[in-house]
């Protein structure tokens, strides 16, 4: 007949991140990734192959935006410059076994 006040408080939801951490042990706080090219006012260039190596895996694959944090504009340019560097034999197409 009467509502239990304690049960009402237990059912109430909060928007706090702390509660999400307690409920989900896999919950992680991620630092927002920023574009290295935007930060340094720099444009990807095929001649800087040492810098381009940071955006390529050991197998020779170009890393995606979600991993590197580059902007869409610079990711497109980065892909073109990596391909140019490969064509000029500055970067390998694949890893040597």
PDB file of N, CA and C in Angstrom:
ATOM      1  N   UNK A   1       0.814  -1.171   0.000  1.00  0.00           N
ATOM      2  CA  UNK A   1       0.000   0.000   0.000  1.00  0.00           C
ATOM      3  C   UNK A   1       0.870   1.251   0.000  1.00  0.00           C
ATOM      4  N   UNK A   2       1.852   1.314   0.890  1.00  0.00           N
ATOM      5  CA  UNK A   2       2.727   2.471   0.914  1.00  0.00           C
ATOM      6  C   UNK A   2       3.988   2.167   0.125  1.00  0.00           C
ATOM      7  N   UNK A   3       4.471   3.188  -0.562  1.00  0.00           N
ATOM      8  CA  UNK A   3       5.703   3.010  -1.328  1.00  0.00           C
ATOM      9  C   UNK A   3       6.902   3.043  -0.409  1.00  0.00           C
ATOM     10  N   UNK A   4       7.806   2.164  -0.661  1.00  0.00           N
ATOM     11  CA  UNK A   4       9.043   2.133   0.109  1.00  0.00           C
ATOM     12  C   UNK A   4      10.005   3.158  -0.504  1.00  0.00           C
ATOM     13  N   UNK A   5      10.437   4.117   0.274  1.00  0.00           N
ATOM     14  CA  UNK A   5      11.300   5.191  -0.216  1.00  0.00           C
ATOM     15  C   UNK A   5      12.668   4.654  -0.618  1.00  0.00           C
ATOM     16  N   UNK A   6      13.186   3.697   0.129  1.00  0.00           N
ATOM     17  CA  UNK A   6      14.510   3.153  -0.174  1.00  0.00           C
ATOM     18  C   UNK A   6      14.540   2.450  -1.528  1.00  0.00           C
ATOM     19  N   UNK A   7      13.482   1.727  -1.853  1.00  0.00           N
ATOM     20  CA  UNK A   7      13.468   1.023  -3.140  1.00  0.00           C
ATOM     21  C   UNK A   7      13.398   2.021  -4.294  1.00  0.00           C
ATOM     22  N   UNK A   8      12.720   3.146  -4.077  1.00  0.00           N
ATOM     23  CA  UNK A   8      12.651   4.173  -5.114  1.00  0.00           C
ATOM     24  C   UNK A   8      14.031   4.778  -5.368  1.00  0.00           C
ATOM     25  N   UNK A   9      14.780   5.003  -4.316  1.00  0.00           N
ATOM     26  CA  UNK A   9      16.113   5.580  -4.476  1.00  0.00           C
ATOM     27  C   UNK A   9      17.062   4.597  -5.142  1.00  0.00           C
ATOM     28  N   UNK A  10      16.896   3.334  -4.892  1.00  0.00           N
ATOM     29  CA  UNK A  10      17.762   2.336  -5.523  1.00  0.00           C
ATOM     30  C   UNK A  10      17.484   2.229  -7.016  1.00  0.00           C
ATOM     31  N   UNK A  11      16.245   2.457  -7.420  1.00  0.00           N
ATOM     32  CA  UNK A  11      15.880   2.330  -8.822  1.00  0.00           C
ATOM     33  C   UNK A  11      16.231   3.567  -9.640  1.00  0.00           C
ATOM     34  N   UNK A  12      16.469   4.680  -8.976  1.00  0.00           N
ATOM     35  CA  UNK A  12      16.743   5.901  -9.727  1.00  0.00           C
ATOM     36  C   UNK A  12      18.089   5.789 -10.442  1.00  0.00           C
ATOM     37  N   UNK A  13      18.139   6.321 -11.647  1.00  0.00           N
ATOM     38  CA  UNK A  13      19.343   6.256 -12.470  1.00  0.00           C
ATOM     39  C   UNK A  13      20.074   7.594 -12.399  1.00  0.00           C
ATOM     40  N   UNK A  14      21.389   7.533 -12.472  1.00  0.00           N
ATOM     41  CA  UNK A  14      22.182   8.756 -12.518  1.00  0.00           C
ATOM     42  C   UNK A  14      23.004   8.750 -13.793  1.00  0.00           C
ATOM     43  N   UNK A  15      23.424   9.916 -14.210  1.00  0.00           N
ATOM     44  CA  UNK A  15      24.230  10.040 -15.420  1.00  0.00           C
ATOM     45  C   UNK A  15      25.718  10.022 -15.121  1.00  0.00           C
ATOM     46  N   UNK A  16      26.102   9.739 -13.910  1.00  0.00           N
ATOM     47  CA  UNK A  16      27.510   9.785 -13.528  1.00  0.00           C
ATOM     48  C   UNK A  16      28.319   8.680 -14.181  1.00  0.00           C
ATOM     49  N   UNK A  17      29.548   8.997 -14.547  1.00  0.00           N
ATOM     50  CA  UNK A  17      30.435   8.010 -15.144  1.00  0.00           C
ATOM     51  C   UNK A  17      30.944   7.029 -14.096  1.00  0.00           C
ATOM     52  N   UNK A  18      30.950   7.443 -12.861  1.00  0.00           N
ATOM     53  CA  UNK A  18      31.438   6.586 -11.791  1.00  0.00           C
ATOM     54  C   UNK A  18      30.595   5.319 -11.691  1.00  0.00           C
ATOM     55  N   UNK A  19      29.272   5.458 -11.850  1.00  0.00           N
ATOM     56  CA  UNK A  19      28.398   4.299 -11.758  1.00  0.00           C
ATOM     57  C   UNK A  19      28.654   3.333 -12.902  1.00  0.00           C
ATOM     58  N   UNK A  20      28.925   3.856 -14.100  1.00  0.00           N
ATOM     59  CA  UNK A  20      29.221   2.994 -15.235  1.00  0.00           C
ATOM     60  C   UNK A  20      30.474   2.188 -15.009  1.00  0.00           C
ATOM     61  N   UNK A  21      31.433   2.773 -14.346  1.00  0.00           N
ATOM     62  CA  UNK A  21      32.676   2.060 -14.058  1.00  0.00           C
ATOM     63  C   UNK A  21      32.432   0.920 -13.082  1.00  0.00           C
ATOM     64  N   UNK A  22      31.566   1.166 -12.088  1.00  0.00           N
ATOM     65  CA  UNK A  22      31.287   0.125 -11.096  1.00  0.00           C
ATOM     66  C   UNK A  22      30.502  -1.031 -11.712  1.00  0.00           C
ATOM     67  N   UNK A  23      29.582  -0.715 -12.602  1.00  0.00           N
ATOM     68  CA  UNK A  23      28.745  -1.745 -13.196  1.00  0.00           C
ATOM     69  C   UNK A  23      29.487  -2.534 -14.268  1.00  0.00           C
ATOM     70  N   UNK A  24      30.356  -1.867 -15.020  1.00  0.00           N
ATOM     71  CA  UNK A  24      31.066  -2.516 -16.113  1.00  0.00           C
ATOM     72  C   UNK A  24      32.565  -2.464 -15.836  1.00  0.00           C
ATOM     73  N   UNK A  25      33.190  -3.569 -15.502  1.00  0.00           N
ATOM     74  CA  UNK A  25      34.626  -3.538 -15.194  1.00  0.00           C
ATOM     75  C   UNK A  25      35.491  -3.265 -16.422  1.00  0.00           C
ATOM     76  N   UNK A  26      34.946  -3.421 -17.621  1.00  0.00           N
ATOM     77  CA  UNK A  26      35.713  -3.167 -18.842  1.00  0.00           C
ATOM     78  C   UNK A  26      35.626  -1.718 -19.295  1.00  0.00           C
ATOM     79  N   UNK A  27      34.929  -0.879 -18.534  1.00  0.00           N
ATOM     80  CA  UNK A  27      34.764   0.525 -18.873  1.00  0.00           C
ATOM     81  C   UNK A  27      36.103   1.239 -18.760  1.00  0.00           C
ATOM     82  N   UNK A  28      36.512   1.955 -19.817  1.00  0.00           N
ATOM     83  CA  UNK A  28      37.801   2.651 -19.821  1.00  0.00           C
ATOM     84  C   UNK A  28      37.604   4.106 -20.211  1.00  0.00           C
ATOM     85  N   UNK A  29      38.464   4.941 -19.684  1.00  0.00           N
ATOM     86  CA  UNK A  29      38.471   6.339 -20.068  1.00  0.00           C
ATOM     87  C   UNK A  29      39.492   6.507 -21.176  1.00  0.00           C
ATOM     88  N   UNK A  30      39.075   7.041 -22.315  1.00  0.00           N
ATOM     89  CA  UNK A  30      39.965   7.215 -23.444  1.00  0.00           C
ATOM     90  C   UNK A  30      40.306   8.683 -23.629  1.00  0.00           C
ATOM     91  N   UNK A  31      41.553   8.943 -23.923  1.00  0.00           N
ATOM     92  CA  UNK A  31      41.980  10.292 -24.234  1.00  0.00           C
ATOM     93  C   UNK A  31      41.645  10.559 -25.698  1.00  0.00           C
ATOM     94  N   UNK A  32      41.068  11.707 -25.975  1.00  0.00           N
ATOM     95  CA  UNK A  32      40.703  12.031 -27.336  1.00  0.00           C
ATOM     96  C   UNK A  32      41.963  12.199 -28.171  1.00  0.00           C
ATOM     97  N   UNK A  33      41.986  11.550 -29.323  1.00  0.00           N
ATOM     98  CA  UNK A  33      43.158  11.608 -30.193  1.00  0.00           C
ATOM     99  C   UNK A  33      43.095  12.861 -31.047  1.00  0.00           C
ATOM    100  N   UNK A  34      44.229  13.485 -31.230  1.00  0.00           N
ATOM    101  CA  UNK A  34      44.295  14.677 -32.053  1.00  0.00           C
ATOM    102  C   UNK A  34      45.170  14.404 -33.260  1.00  0.00           C
ATOM    103  N   UNK A  35      44.913  15.119 -34.311  1.00  0.00           N
ATOM    104  CA  UNK A  35      45.662  14.952 -35.554  1.00  0.00           C
ATOM    105  C   UNK A  35      47.059  15.547 -35.386  1.00  0.00           C
ATOM    106  N   UNK A  36      48.079  14.748 -35.659  1.00  0.00           N
ATOM    107  CA  UNK A  36      49.460  15.230 -35.539  1.00  0.00           C
ATOM    108  C   UNK A  36      49.764  16.307 -36.571  1.00  0.00           C
ATOM    109  N   UNK A  37      49.132  16.209 -37.722  1.00  0.00           N
ATOM    110  CA  UNK A  37      49.391  17.178 -38.786  1.00  0.00           C
ATOM    111  C   UNK A  37      48.749  18.528 -38.479  1.00  0.00           C
ATOM    112  N   UNK A  38      47.556  18.502 -37.896  1.00  0.00           N
ATOM    113  CA  UNK A  38      46.895  19.759 -37.524  1.00  0.00           C
ATOM    114  C   UNK A  38      47.638  20.444 -36.379  1.00  0.00           C
ATOM    115  N   UNK A  39      48.125  19.653 -35.419  1.00  0.00           N
ATOM    116  CA  UNK A  39      48.826  20.223 -34.272  1.00  0.00           C
ATOM    117  C   UNK A  39      50.124  20.905 -34.679  1.00  0.00           C
ATOM    118  N   UNK A  40      50.835  20.322 -35.630  1.00  0.00           N
ATOM    119  CA  UNK A  40      52.141  20.855 -36.018  1.00  0.00           C
ATOM    120  C   UNK A  40      52.070  21.745 -37.253  1.00  0.00           C
ATOM    121  N   UNK A  41      50.866  22.011 -37.754  1.00  0.00           N
ATOM    122  CA  UNK A  41      50.694  22.765 -39.006  1.00  0.00           C
ATOM    123  C   UNK A  41      51.594  22.183 -40.093  1.00  0.00           C
ATOM    124  N   UNK A  42      51.401  20.913 -40.331  1.00  0.00           N
ATOM    125  CA  UNK A  42      52.255  20.154 -41.225  1.00  0.00           C
ATOM    126  C   UNK A  42      51.387  19.414 -42.236  1.00  0.00           C
ATOM    127  N   UNK A  43      51.953  19.151 -43.408  1.00  0.00           N
ATOM    128  CA  UNK A  43      51.260  18.403 -44.447  1.00  0.00           C
ATOM    129  C   UNK A  43      52.046  17.122 -44.700  1.00  0.00           C
ATOM    130  N   UNK A  44      51.384  15.970 -44.852  1.00  0.00           N
ATOM    131  CA  UNK A  44      52.129  14.742 -45.138  1.00  0.00           C
ATOM    132  C   UNK A  44      52.918  14.868 -46.440  1.00  0.00           C
ATOM    133  N   UNK A  45      54.159  14.396 -46.419  1.00  0.00           N
ATOM    134  CA  UNK A  45      55.014  14.482 -47.595  1.00  0.00           C
ATOM    135  C   UNK A  45      55.750  13.157 -47.761  1.00  0.00           C
ATOM    136  N   UNK A  46      55.828  12.659 -48.976  1.00  0.00           N
ATOM    137  CA  UNK A  46      56.443  11.356 -49.216  1.00  0.00           C
ATOM    138  C   UNK A  46      57.936  11.352 -48.938  1.00  0.00           C
ATOM    139  N   UNK A  47      58.565  12.514 -48.947  1.00  0.00           N
ATOM    140  CA  UNK A  47      60.011  12.590 -48.706  1.00  0.00           C
ATOM    141  C   UNK A  47      60.359  12.396 -47.230  1.00  0.00           C
ATOM    142  N   UNK A  48      59.396  12.583 -46.346  1.00  0.00           N
ATOM    143  CA  UNK A  48      59.615  12.374 -44.909  1.00  0.00           C
ATOM    144  C   UNK A  48      59.176  10.954 -44.546  1.00  0.00           C
ATOM    145  N   UNK A  49      59.860   9.976 -45.109  1.00  0.00           N
ATOM    146  CA  UNK A  49      59.446   8.588 -44.926  1.00  0.00           C
ATOM    147  C   UNK A  49      59.643   8.100 -43.502  1.00  0.00           C
ATOM    148  N   UNK A  50      60.564   8.702 -42.746  1.00  0.00           N
ATOM    149  CA  UNK A  50      60.715   8.313 -41.337  1.00  0.00           C
ATOM    150  C   UNK A  50      59.457   8.652 -40.539  1.00  0.00           C
ATOM    151  N   UNK A  51      58.853   9.793 -40.848  1.00  0.00           N
ATOM    152  CA  UNK A  51      57.617  10.199 -40.179  1.00  0.00           C
ATOM    153  C   UNK A  51      56.438   9.344 -40.657  1.00  0.00           C
ATOM    154  N   UNK A  52      56.439   8.980 -41.941  1.00  0.00           N
ATOM    155  CA  UNK A  52      55.350   8.174 -42.491  1.00  0.00           C
ATOM    156  C   UNK A  52      55.354   6.749 -41.941  1.00  0.00           C
ATOM    157  N   UNK A  53      56.507   6.267 -41.502  1.00  0.00           N
ATOM    158  CA  UNK A  53      56.596   4.909 -40.957  1.00  0.00           C
ATOM    159  C   UNK A  53      55.720   4.743 -39.717  1.00  0.00           C
ATOM    160  N   UNK A  54      55.450   5.835 -39.014  1.00  0.00           N
ATOM    161  CA  UNK A  54      54.617   5.777 -37.811  1.00  0.00           C
ATOM    162  C   UNK A  54      53.161   5.445 -38.144  1.00  0.00           C
ATOM    163  N   UNK A  55      52.768   5.669 -39.385  1.00  0.00           N
ATOM    164  CA  UNK A  55      51.386   5.459 -39.802  1.00  0.00           C
ATOM    165  C   UNK A  55      51.209   4.175 -40.605  1.00  0.00           C
ATOM    166  N   UNK A  56      52.248   3.335 -40.644  1.00  0.00           N
ATOM    167  CA  UNK A  56      52.212   2.088 -41.397  1.00  0.00           C
ATOM    168  C   UNK A  56      52.573   0.947 -40.449  1.00  0.00           C
ATOM    169  N   UNK A  57      51.863  -0.179 -40.557  1.00  0.00           N
ATOM    170  CA  UNK A  57      52.159  -1.333 -39.711  1.00  0.00           C
ATOM    171  C   UNK A  57      53.409  -2.041 -40.213  1.00  0.00           C
ATOM    172  N   UNK A  58      53.846  -3.030 -39.444  1.00  0.00           N
ATOM    173  CA  UNK A  58      55.005  -3.817 -39.854  1.00  0.00           C
ATOM    174  C   UNK A  58      54.726  -4.594 -41.131  1.00  0.00           C
ATOM    175  N   UNK A  59      53.473  -4.922 -41.356  1.00  0.00           N
ATOM    176  CA  UNK A  59      53.094  -5.654 -42.562  1.00  0.00           C
ATOM    177  C   UNK A  59      52.975  -4.739 -43.772  1.00  0.00           C
ATOM    178  N   UNK A  60      53.032  -3.431 -43.560  1.00  0.00           N
ATOM    179  CA  UNK A  60      52.953  -2.485 -44.662  1.00  0.00           C
ATOM    180  C   UNK A  60      51.583  -1.866 -44.853  1.00  0.00           C
ATOM    181  N   UNK A  61      50.636  -2.166 -43.966  1.00  0.00           N
ATOM    182  CA  UNK A  61      49.290  -1.613 -44.095  1.00  0.00           C
ATOM    183  C   UNK A  61      49.235  -0.212 -43.495  1.00  0.00           C
ATOM    184  N   UNK A  62      48.460   0.661 -44.117  1.00  0.00           N
ATOM    185  CA  UNK A  62      48.264   2.015 -43.603  1.00  0.00           C
ATOM    186  C   UNK A  62      47.269   1.937 -42.444  1.00  0.00           C
ATOM    187  N   UNK A  63      47.636   2.528 -41.312  1.00  0.00           N
ATOM    188  CA  UNK A  63      46.771   2.489 -40.131  1.00  0.00           C
ATOM    189  C   UNK A  63      45.535   3.363 -40.341  1.00  0.00           C
ATOM    190  N   UNK A  64      44.362   2.937 -39.848  1.00  0.00           N
ATOM    191  CA  UNK A  64      43.142   3.719 -40.020  1.00  0.00           C
ATOM    192  C   UNK A  64      43.089   4.932 -39.093  1.00  0.00           C
ATOM    193  N   UNK A  65      42.166   5.817 -39.391  1.00  0.00           N
ATOM    194  CA  UNK A  65      41.982   7.060 -38.625  1.00  0.00           C
ATOM    195  C   UNK A  65      41.660   6.812 -37.172  1.00  0.00           C
ATOM    196  N   UNK A  66      40.854   5.812 -36.903  1.00  0.00           N
ATOM    197  CA  UNK A  66      40.432   5.562 -35.523  1.00  0.00           C
ATOM    198  C   UNK A  66      41.594   5.168 -34.632  1.00  0.00           C
ATOM    199  N   UNK A  67      42.662   4.675 -35.206  1.00  0.00           N
ATOM    200  CA  UNK A  67      43.844   4.317 -34.424  1.00  0.00           C
ATOM    201  C   UNK A  67      44.825   5.482 -34.352  1.00  0.00           C
ATOM    202  N   UNK A  68      45.085   6.135 -35.485  1.00  0.00           N
ATOM    203  CA  UNK A  68      46.081   7.207 -35.508  1.00  0.00           C
ATOM    204  C   UNK A  68      45.528   8.531 -35.005  1.00  0.00           C
ATOM    205  N   UNK A  69      44.224   8.765 -35.189  1.00  0.00           N
ATOM    206  CA  UNK A  69      43.627  10.016 -34.743  1.00  0.00           C
ATOM    207  C   UNK A  69      43.776  11.151 -35.736  1.00  0.00           C
ATOM    208  N   UNK A  70      44.190  10.866 -36.960  1.00  0.00           N
ATOM    209  CA  UNK A  70      44.341  11.929 -37.953  1.00  0.00           C
ATOM    210  C   UNK A  70      42.975  12.380 -38.452  1.00  0.00           C
ATOM    211  N   UNK A  71      42.914  13.599 -38.945  1.00  0.00           N
ATOM    212  CA  UNK A  71      41.664  14.116 -39.494  1.00  0.00           C
ATOM    213  C   UNK A  71      41.417  13.467 -40.856  1.00  0.00           C
ATOM    214  N   UNK A  72      40.193  13.556 -41.353  1.00  0.00           N
ATOM    215  CA  UNK A  72      39.837  12.920 -42.623  1.00  0.00           C
ATOM    216  C   UNK A  72      40.655  13.503 -43.772  1.00  0.00           C
ATOM    217  N   UNK A  73      40.824  14.800 -43.754  1.00  0.00           N
ATOM    218  CA  UNK A  73      41.590  15.478 -44.802  1.00  0.00           C
ATOM    219  C   UNK A  73      43.028  14.978 -44.826  1.00  0.00           C
ATOM    220  N   UNK A  74      43.647  14.921 -43.667  1.00  0.00           N
ATOM    221  CA  UNK A  74      45.040  14.500 -43.609  1.00  0.00           C
ATOM    222  C   UNK A  74      45.191  12.993 -43.813  1.00  0.00           C
ATOM    223  N   UNK A  75      44.186  12.207 -43.466  1.00  0.00           N
ATOM    224  CA  UNK A  75      44.250  10.761 -43.694  1.00  0.00           C
ATOM    225  C   UNK A  75      44.249  10.463 -45.191  1.00  0.00           C
ATOM    226  N   UNK A  76      43.424  11.177 -45.941  1.00  0.00           N
ATOM    227  CA  UNK A  76      43.414  10.981 -47.394  1.00  0.00           C
ATOM    228  C   UNK A  76      44.758  11.359 -47.996  1.00  0.00           C
ATOM    229  N   UNK A  77      45.298  12.480 -47.563  1.00  0.00           N
ATOM    230  CA  UNK A  77      46.599  12.931 -48.059  1.00  0.00           C
ATOM    231  C   UNK A  77      47.709  11.972 -47.620  1.00  0.00           C
ATOM    232  N   UNK A  78      47.618  11.475 -46.408  1.00  0.00           N
ATOM    233  CA  UNK A  78      48.601  10.531 -45.883  1.00  0.00           C
ATOM    234  C   UNK A  78      48.634   9.258 -46.726  1.00  0.00           C
ATOM    235  N   UNK A  79      47.465   8.742 -47.092  1.00  0.00           N
ATOM    236  CA  UNK A  79      47.401   7.532 -47.909  1.00  0.00           C
ATOM    237  C   UNK A  79      48.078   7.756 -49.259  1.00  0.00           C
ATOM    238  N   UNK A  80      47.840   8.907 -49.870  1.00  0.00           N
ATOM    239  CA  UNK A  80      48.484   9.213 -51.153  1.00  0.00           C
ATOM    240  C   UNK A  80      49.996   9.315 -51.009  1.00  0.00           C
ATOM    241  N   UNK A  81      50.451   9.951 -49.946  1.00  0.00           N
ATOM    242  CA  UNK A  81      51.892  10.138 -49.752  1.00  0.00           C
ATOM    243  C   UNK A  81      52.595   8.821 -49.417  1.00  0.00           C
ATOM    244  N   UNK A  82      51.924   7.938 -48.678  1.00  0.00           N
ATOM    245  CA  UNK A  82      52.506   6.621 -48.395  1.00  0.00           C
ATOM    246  C   UNK A  82      52.633   5.834 -49.693  1.00  0.00           C
ATOM    247  N   UNK A  83      51.616   5.921 -50.541  1.00  0.00           N
ATOM    248  CA  UNK A  83      51.664   5.216 -51.825  1.00  0.00           C
ATOM    249  C   UNK A  83      52.762   5.775 -52.722  1.00  0.00           C
ATOM    250  N   UNK A  84      52.957   7.087 -52.694  1.00  0.00           N
ATOM    251  CA  UNK A  84      54.061   7.688 -53.458  1.00  0.00           C
ATOM    252  C   UNK A  84      55.404   7.207 -52.932  1.00  0.00           C
ATOM    253  N   UNK A  85      55.550   7.172 -51.609  1.00  0.00           N
ATOM    254  CA  UNK A  85      56.808   6.731 -51.000  1.00  0.00           C
ATOM    255  C   UNK A  85      57.084   5.262 -51.328  1.00  0.00           C
ATOM    256  N   UNK A  86      56.049   4.456 -51.400  1.00  0.00           N
ATOM    257  CA  UNK A  86      56.230   3.059 -51.797  1.00  0.00           C
ATOM    258  C   UNK A  86      56.698   2.971 -53.244  1.00  0.00           C
ATOM    259  N   UNK A  87      56.088   3.756 -54.107  1.00  0.00           N
ATOM    260  CA  UNK A  87      56.440   3.747 -55.528  1.00  0.00           C
ATOM    261  C   UNK A  87      57.881   4.205 -55.738  1.00  0.00           C
ATOM    262  N   UNK A  88      58.329   5.160 -54.928  1.00  0.00           N
ATOM    263  CA  UNK A  88      59.698   5.673 -55.033  1.00  0.00           C
ATOM    264  C   UNK A  88      60.692   4.797 -54.260  1.00  0.00           C
ATOM    265  N   UNK A  89      60.223   3.695 -53.686  1.00  0.00           N
ATOM    266  CA  UNK A  89      61.040   2.733 -52.932  1.00  0.00           C
ATOM    267  C   UNK A  89      61.616   3.326 -51.649  1.00  0.00           C
ATOM    268  N   UNK A  90      60.916   4.291 -51.058  1.00  0.00           N
ATOM    269  CA  UNK A  90      61.317   4.836 -49.764  1.00  0.00           C
ATOM    270  C   UNK A  90      60.689   4.036 -48.622  1.00  0.00           C
ATOM    271  N   UNK A  91      59.514   3.483 -48.883  1.00  0.00           N
ATOM    272  CA  UNK A  91      58.833   2.606 -47.926  1.00  0.00           C
ATOM    273  C   UNK A  91      58.595   1.257 -48.599  1.00  0.00           C
ATOM    274  N   UNK A  92      58.685   0.169 -47.850  1.00  0.00           N
ATOM    275  CA  UNK A  92      58.421  -1.142 -48.458  1.00  0.00           C
ATOM    276  C   UNK A  92      56.919  -1.382 -48.634  1.00  0.00           C
ATOM    277  N   UNK A  93      56.580  -2.158 -49.658  1.00  0.00           N
ATOM    278  CA  UNK A  93      55.181  -2.535 -49.847  1.00  0.00           C
ATOM    279  C   UNK A  93      54.760  -3.532 -48.777  1.00  0.00           C
ATOM    280  N   UNK A  94      55.617  -4.517 -48.515  1.00  0.00           N
ATOM    281  CA  UNK A  94      55.352  -5.529 -47.494  1.00  0.00           C
ATOM    282  C   UNK A  94      56.618  -5.770 -46.695  1.00  0.00           C
ATOM    283  N   UNK A  95      56.437  -6.402 -45.546  1.00  0.00           N
ATOM    284  CA  UNK A  95      57.579  -6.729 -44.695  1.00  0.00           C
ATOM    285  C   UNK A  95      58.345  -7.909 -45.293  1.00  0.00           C
ATOM    286  N   UNK A  96      59.654  -7.860 -45.217  1.00  0.00           N
ATOM    287  CA  UNK A  96      60.475  -8.970 -45.694  1.00  0.00           C
ATOM    288  C   UNK A  96      60.536 -10.034 -44.615  1.00  0.00           C
ATOM    289  N   UNK A  97      60.354 -11.282 -45.020  1.00  0.00           N
ATOM    290  CA  UNK A  97      60.401 -12.388 -44.059  1.00  0.00           C
ATOM    291  C   UNK A  97      61.718 -13.097 -44.144  1.00  0.00           C
TER     292      UNK A  97
END
